[in-house]
Amino acid sequence: MTEFEFAKSSYSGGDAGQECVEVARNIPGTVAVRDSKDTAGAILRLVPSAWAAFLADAVRE
């Protein structure tokens, strides 16, 4: 199985203390999200339409 290739947001600033998520979109049909401070922790797997809905709602806030 292909491993997720996580990327941190350009807004994260690279500081270890920042609260950020990492997102992987390299697996077809899956968007994976994890806490950048706990890379060995849980991974939330979403279908792309759910991720798009989340982003659309987040932009409105």
PDB file of N, CA and C in Angstrom:
ATOM      1  N   MET A   1       0.843  -1.185   0.000  1.00  0.00           N
ATOM      2  CA  MET A   1       0.000   0.000   0.000  1.00  0.00           C
ATOM      3  C   MET A   1       0.885   1.245   0.000  1.00  0.00           C
ATOM      4  N   THR A   2       0.488   2.235  -0.738  1.00  0.00           N
ATOM      5  CA  THR A   2       1.214   3.498  -0.815  1.00  0.00           C
ATOM      6  C   THR A   2       1.056   4.266   0.494  1.00  0.00           C
ATOM      7  N   GLU A   3       2.134   4.863   0.944  1.00  0.00           N
ATOM      8  CA  GLU A   3       2.111   5.676   2.166  1.00  0.00           C
ATOM      9  C   GLU A   3       1.560   7.067   1.852  1.00  0.00           C
ATOM     10  N   PHE A   4       0.916   7.662   2.830  1.00  0.00           N
ATOM     11  CA  PHE A   4       0.466   9.031   2.681  1.00  0.00           C
ATOM     12  C   PHE A   4       1.673   9.958   2.647  1.00  0.00           C
ATOM     13  N   GLU A   5       1.623  10.950   1.794  1.00  0.00           N
ATOM     14  CA  GLU A   5       2.670  11.977   1.701  1.00  0.00           C
ATOM     15  C   GLU A   5       2.074  13.268   2.256  1.00  0.00           C
ATOM     16  N   PHE A   6       2.314  13.514   3.543  1.00  0.00           N
ATOM     17  CA  PHE A   6       1.722  14.654   4.223  1.00  0.00           C
ATOM     18  C   PHE A   6       2.482  15.941   3.928  1.00  0.00           C
ATOM     19  N   ALA A   7       1.733  17.020   3.837  1.00  0.00           N
ATOM     20  CA  ALA A   7       2.303  18.359   3.656  1.00  0.00           C
ATOM     21  C   ALA A   7       1.702  19.270   4.710  1.00  0.00           C
ATOM     22  N   LYS A   8       2.525  20.130   5.264  1.00  0.00           N
ATOM     23  CA  LYS A   8       2.068  21.091   6.265  1.00  0.00           C
ATOM     24  C   LYS A   8       1.658  22.375   5.551  1.00  0.00           C
ATOM     25  N   SER A   9       0.687  23.042   6.081  1.00  0.00           N
ATOM     26  CA  SER A   9       0.219  24.295   5.512  1.00  0.00           C
ATOM     27  C   SER A   9       1.331  25.337   5.480  1.00  0.00           C
ATOM     28  N   SER A  10       1.329  26.156   4.456  1.00  0.00           N
ATOM     29  CA  SER A  10       2.302  27.250   4.383  1.00  0.00           C
ATOM     30  C   SER A  10       2.041  28.283   5.466  1.00  0.00           C
ATOM     31  N   TYR A  11       0.858  28.254   6.074  1.00  0.00           N
ATOM     32  CA  TYR A  11       0.517  29.167   7.163  1.00  0.00           C
ATOM     33  C   TYR A  11       1.083  28.705   8.509  1.00  0.00           C
ATOM     34  N   SER A  12       1.658  27.505   8.562  1.00  0.00           N
ATOM     35  CA  SER A  12       2.094  26.957   9.835  1.00  0.00           C
ATOM     36  C   SER A  12       3.308  27.673  10.401  1.00  0.00           C
ATOM     37  N   GLY A  13       4.107  28.276   9.585  1.00  0.00           N
ATOM     38  CA  GLY A  13       5.268  29.005  10.059  1.00  0.00           C
ATOM     39  C   GLY A  13       6.441  28.132  10.459  1.00  0.00           C
ATOM     40  N   GLY A  14       6.262  26.831  10.497  1.00  0.00           N
ATOM     41  CA  GLY A  14       7.343  25.926  10.815  1.00  0.00           C
ATOM     42  C   GLY A  14       7.699  25.831  12.283  1.00  0.00           C
ATOM     43  N   ASP A  15       7.026  26.560  13.150  1.00  0.00           N
ATOM     44  CA  ASP A  15       7.317  26.501  14.578  1.00  0.00           C
ATOM     45  C   ASP A  15       6.739  25.233  15.176  1.00  0.00           C
ATOM     46  N   ALA A  16       7.519  24.570  16.033  1.00  0.00           N
ATOM     47  CA  ALA A  16       7.083  23.317  16.637  1.00  0.00           C
ATOM     48  C   ALA A  16       5.858  23.514  17.530  1.00  0.00           C
ATOM     49  N   GLY A  17       5.702  24.677  18.127  1.00  0.00           N
ATOM     50  CA  GLY A  17       4.596  24.924  19.038  1.00  0.00           C
ATOM     51  C   GLY A  17       3.299  25.322  18.363  1.00  0.00           C
ATOM     52  N   GLN A  18       3.327  25.525  17.072  1.00  0.00           N
ATOM     53  CA  GLN A  18       2.125  25.952  16.352  1.00  0.00           C
ATOM     54  C   GLN A  18       1.097  24.832  16.300  1.00  0.00           C
ATOM     55  N   GLU A  19      -0.167  25.198  16.276  1.00  0.00           N
ATOM     56  CA  GLU A  19      -1.241  24.222  16.126  1.00  0.00           C
ATOM     57  C   GLU A  19      -1.581  24.104  14.649  1.00  0.00           C
ATOM     58  N   CYS A  20      -1.154  23.019  14.043  1.00  0.00           N
ATOM     59  CA  CYS A  20      -1.321  22.836  12.599  1.00  0.00           C
ATOM     60  C   CYS A  20      -1.774  21.416  12.294  1.00  0.00           C
ATOM     61  N   VAL A  21      -2.294  21.275  11.113  1.00  0.00           N
ATOM     62  CA  VAL A  21      -2.591  19.947  10.595  1.00  0.00           C
ATOM     63  C   VAL A  21      -1.747  19.726   9.350  1.00  0.00           C
ATOM     64  N   GLU A  22      -1.568  18.462   9.034  1.00  0.00           N
ATOM     65  CA  GLU A  22      -0.910  18.084   7.789  1.00  0.00           C
ATOM     66  C   GLU A  22      -1.937  17.340   6.951  1.00  0.00           C
ATOM     67  N   VAL A  23      -1.886  17.535   5.650  1.00  0.00           N
ATOM     68  CA  VAL A  23      -2.851  16.934   4.737  1.00  0.00           C
ATOM     69  C   VAL A  23      -2.104  16.161   3.663  1.00  0.00           C
ATOM     70  N   ALA A  24      -2.628  14.980   3.348  1.00  0.00           N
ATOM     71  CA  ALA A  24      -2.087  14.163   2.264  1.00  0.00           C
ATOM     72  C   ALA A  24      -3.187  13.941   1.233  1.00  0.00           C
ATOM     73  N   ARG A  25      -2.855  14.192  -0.023  1.00  0.00           N
ATOM     74  CA  ARG A  25      -3.828  14.004  -1.112  1.00  0.00           C
ATOM     75  C   ARG A  25      -3.272  13.124  -2.214  1.00  0.00           C
ATOM     76  N   ASN A  26      -2.255  12.324  -1.901  1.00  0.00           N
ATOM     77  CA  ASN A  26      -1.607  11.521  -2.931  1.00  0.00           C
ATOM     78  C   ASN A  26      -2.267  10.168  -3.180  1.00  0.00           C
ATOM     79  N   ILE A  27      -3.257   9.788  -2.378  1.00  0.00           N
ATOM     80  CA  ILE A  27      -3.964   8.525  -2.565  1.00  0.00           C
ATOM     81  C   ILE A  27      -5.318   8.840  -3.216  1.00  0.00           C
ATOM     82  N   PRO A  28      -5.580   8.306  -4.406  1.00  0.00           N
ATOM     83  CA  PRO A  28      -6.845   8.608  -5.081  1.00  0.00           C
ATOM     84  C   PRO A  28      -8.060   8.274  -4.212  1.00  0.00           C
ATOM     85  N   GLY A  29      -9.014   9.191  -4.160  1.00  0.00           N
ATOM     86  CA  GLY A  29     -10.245   8.982  -3.434  1.00  0.00           C
ATOM     87  C   GLY A  29     -10.148   9.210  -1.931  1.00  0.00           C
ATOM     88  N   THR A  30      -8.986   9.682  -1.445  1.00  0.00           N
ATOM     89  CA  THR A  30      -8.788   9.873  -0.009  1.00  0.00           C
ATOM     90  C   THR A  30      -8.037  11.166   0.268  1.00  0.00           C
ATOM     91  N   VAL A  31      -8.510  11.896   1.266  1.00  0.00           N
ATOM     92  CA  VAL A  31      -7.768  13.026   1.806  1.00  0.00           C
ATOM     93  C   VAL A  31      -7.487  12.651   3.260  1.00  0.00           C
ATOM     94  N   ALA A  32      -6.221  12.592   3.633  1.00  0.00           N
ATOM     95  CA  ALA A  32      -5.828  12.212   4.990  1.00  0.00           C
ATOM     96  C   ALA A  32      -5.376  13.460   5.743  1.00  0.00           C
ATOM     97  N   VAL A  33      -5.786  13.555   7.004  1.00  0.00           N
ATOM     98  CA  VAL A  33      -5.461  14.712   7.833  1.00  0.00           C
ATOM     99  C   VAL A  33      -4.924  14.199   9.162  1.00  0.00           C
ATOM    100  N   ARG A  34      -3.852  14.826   9.652  1.00  0.00           N
ATOM    101  CA  ARG A  34      -3.309  14.460  10.962  1.00  0.00           C
ATOM    102  C   ARG A  34      -2.778  15.699  11.669  1.00  0.00           C
ATOM    103  N   ASP A  35      -2.575  15.574  12.959  1.00  0.00           N
ATOM    104  CA  ASP A  35      -2.020  16.640  13.786  1.00  0.00           C
ATOM    105  C   ASP A  35      -0.518  16.697  13.543  1.00  0.00           C
ATOM    106  N   SER A  36       0.000  17.853  13.192  1.00  0.00           N
ATOM    107  CA  SER A  36       1.435  17.968  12.891  1.00  0.00           C
ATOM    108  C   SER A  36       2.306  17.769  14.127  1.00  0.00           C
ATOM    109  N   LYS A  37       1.733  17.915  15.329  1.00  0.00           N
ATOM    110  CA  LYS A  37       2.505  17.706  16.553  1.00  0.00           C
ATOM    111  C   LYS A  37       2.507  16.249  16.988  1.00  0.00           C
ATOM    112  N   ASP A  38       1.652  15.423  16.391  1.00  0.00           N
ATOM    113  CA  ASP A  38       1.543  14.012  16.759  1.00  0.00           C
ATOM    114  C   ASP A  38       1.482  13.173  15.493  1.00  0.00           C
ATOM    115  N   THR A  39       2.576  13.137  14.767  1.00  0.00           N
ATOM    116  CA  THR A  39       2.584  12.464  13.462  1.00  0.00           C
ATOM    117  C   THR A  39       2.407  10.947  13.568  1.00  0.00           C
ATOM    118  N   ALA A  40       2.598  10.379  14.753  1.00  0.00           N
ATOM    119  CA  ALA A  40       2.373   8.942  14.941  1.00  0.00           C
ATOM    120  C   ALA A  40       0.943   8.667  15.422  1.00  0.00           C
ATOM    121  N   GLY A  41       0.166   9.715  15.613  1.00  0.00           N
ATOM    122  CA  GLY A  41      -1.193   9.571  16.124  1.00  0.00           C
ATOM    123  C   GLY A  41      -2.202   9.228  15.040  1.00  0.00           C
ATOM    124  N   ALA A  42      -3.436   9.473  15.364  1.00  0.00           N
ATOM    125  CA  ALA A  42      -4.548   9.121  14.479  1.00  0.00           C
ATOM    126  C   ALA A  42      -4.515   9.906  13.173  1.00  0.00           C
ATOM    127  N   ILE A  43      -4.997   9.259  12.132  1.00  0.00           N
ATOM    128  CA  ILE A  43      -5.132   9.882  10.812  1.00  0.00           C
ATOM    129  C   ILE A  43      -6.618   9.863  10.454  1.00  0.00           C
ATOM    130  N   LEU A  44      -7.149  11.028  10.153  1.00  0.00           N
ATOM    131  CA  LEU A  44      -8.536  11.144   9.718  1.00  0.00           C
ATOM    132  C   LEU A  44      -8.549  10.995   8.200  1.00  0.00           C
ATOM    133  N   ARG A  45      -9.326  10.033   7.706  1.00  0.00           N
ATOM    134  CA  ARG A  45      -9.416   9.793   6.271  1.00  0.00           C
ATOM    135  C   ARG A  45     -10.789  10.240   5.787  1.00  0.00           C
ATOM    136  N   LEU A  46     -10.792  11.099   4.773  1.00  0.00           N
ATOM    137  CA  LEU A  46     -12.030  11.661   4.246  1.00  0.00           C
ATOM    138  C   LEU A  46     -12.119  11.419   2.746  1.00  0.00           C
ATOM    139  N   VAL A  47     -13.358  11.365   2.244  1.00  0.00           N
ATOM    140  CA  VAL A  47     -13.530  11.382   0.794  1.00  0.00           C
ATOM    141  C   VAL A  47     -13.334  12.833   0.358  1.00  0.00           C
ATOM    142  N   PRO A  48     -12.851  13.060  -0.867  1.00  0.00           N
ATOM    143  CA  PRO A  48     -12.580  14.429  -1.304  1.00  0.00           C
ATOM    144  C   PRO A  48     -13.761  15.385  -1.180  1.00  0.00           C
ATOM    145  N   SER A  49     -14.983  14.918  -1.388  1.00  0.00           N
ATOM    146  CA  SER A  49     -16.141  15.816  -1.282  1.00  0.00           C
ATOM    147  C   SER A  49     -16.348  16.285   0.163  1.00  0.00           C
ATOM    148  N   ALA A  50     -16.065  15.439   1.139  1.00  0.00           N
ATOM    149  CA  ALA A  50     -16.182  15.841   2.537  1.00  0.00           C
ATOM    150  C   ALA A  50     -15.110  16.870   2.887  1.00  0.00           C
ATOM    151  N   TRP A  51     -13.901  16.674   2.382  1.00  0.00           N
ATOM    152  CA  TRP A  51     -12.816  17.646   2.608  1.00  0.00           C
ATOM    153  C   TRP A  51     -13.180  18.991   1.982  1.00  0.00           C
ATOM    154  N   ALA A  52     -13.711  18.965   0.765  1.00  0.00           N
ATOM    155  CA  ALA A  52     -14.095  20.201   0.082  1.00  0.00           C
ATOM    156  C   ALA A  52     -15.194  20.926   0.863  1.00  0.00           C
ATOM    157  N   ALA A  53     -16.150  20.189   1.397  1.00  0.00           N
ATOM    158  CA  ALA A  53     -17.219  20.802   2.187  1.00  0.00           C
ATOM    159  C   ALA A  53     -16.649  21.429   3.463  1.00  0.00           C
ATOM    160  N   PHE A  54     -15.717  20.733   4.117  1.00  0.00           N
ATOM    161  CA  PHE A  54     -15.077  21.270   5.314  1.00  0.00           C
ATOM    162  C   PHE A  54     -14.347  22.574   4.991  1.00  0.00           C
ATOM    163  N   LEU A  55     -13.576  22.578   3.913  1.00  0.00           N
ATOM    164  CA  LEU A  55     -12.822  23.778   3.540  1.00  0.00           C
ATOM    165  C   LEU A  55     -13.756  24.943   3.201  1.00  0.00           C
ATOM    166  N   ALA A  56     -14.830  24.649   2.490  1.00  0.00           N
ATOM    167  CA  ALA A  56     -15.781  25.700   2.129  1.00  0.00           C
ATOM    168  C   ALA A  56     -16.394  26.305   3.385  1.00  0.00           C
ATOM    169  N   ASP A  57     -16.712  25.484   4.365  1.00  0.00           N
ATOM    170  CA  ASP A  57     -17.289  25.988   5.598  1.00  0.00           C
ATOM    171  C   ASP A  57     -16.243  26.751   6.413  1.00  0.00           C
ATOM    172  N   ALA A  58     -15.016  26.292   6.426  1.00  0.00           N
ATOM    173  CA  ALA A  58     -13.950  26.946   7.181  1.00  0.00           C
ATOM    174  C   ALA A  58     -13.657  28.346   6.628  1.00  0.00           C
ATOM    175  N   VAL A  59     -13.758  28.507   5.329  1.00  0.00           N
ATOM    176  CA  VAL A  59     -13.488  29.795   4.694  1.00  0.00           C
ATOM    177  C   VAL A  59     -14.549  30.810   5.102  1.00  0.00           C
ATOM    178  N   ARG A  60     -15.778  30.370   5.311  1.00  0.00           N
ATOM    179  CA  ARG A  60     -16.859  31.270   5.700  1.00  0.00           C
ATOM    180  C   ARG A  60     -16.709  31.764   7.132  1.00  0.00           C
ATOM    181  N   GLU A  61     -15.992  31.057   7.946  1.00  0.00           N
ATOM    182  CA  GLU A  61     -15.841  31.434   9.365  1.00  0.00           C
ATOM    183  C   GLU A  61     -14.904  32.555   9.477  1.00  0.00           C
TER     184      GLU A  61
END
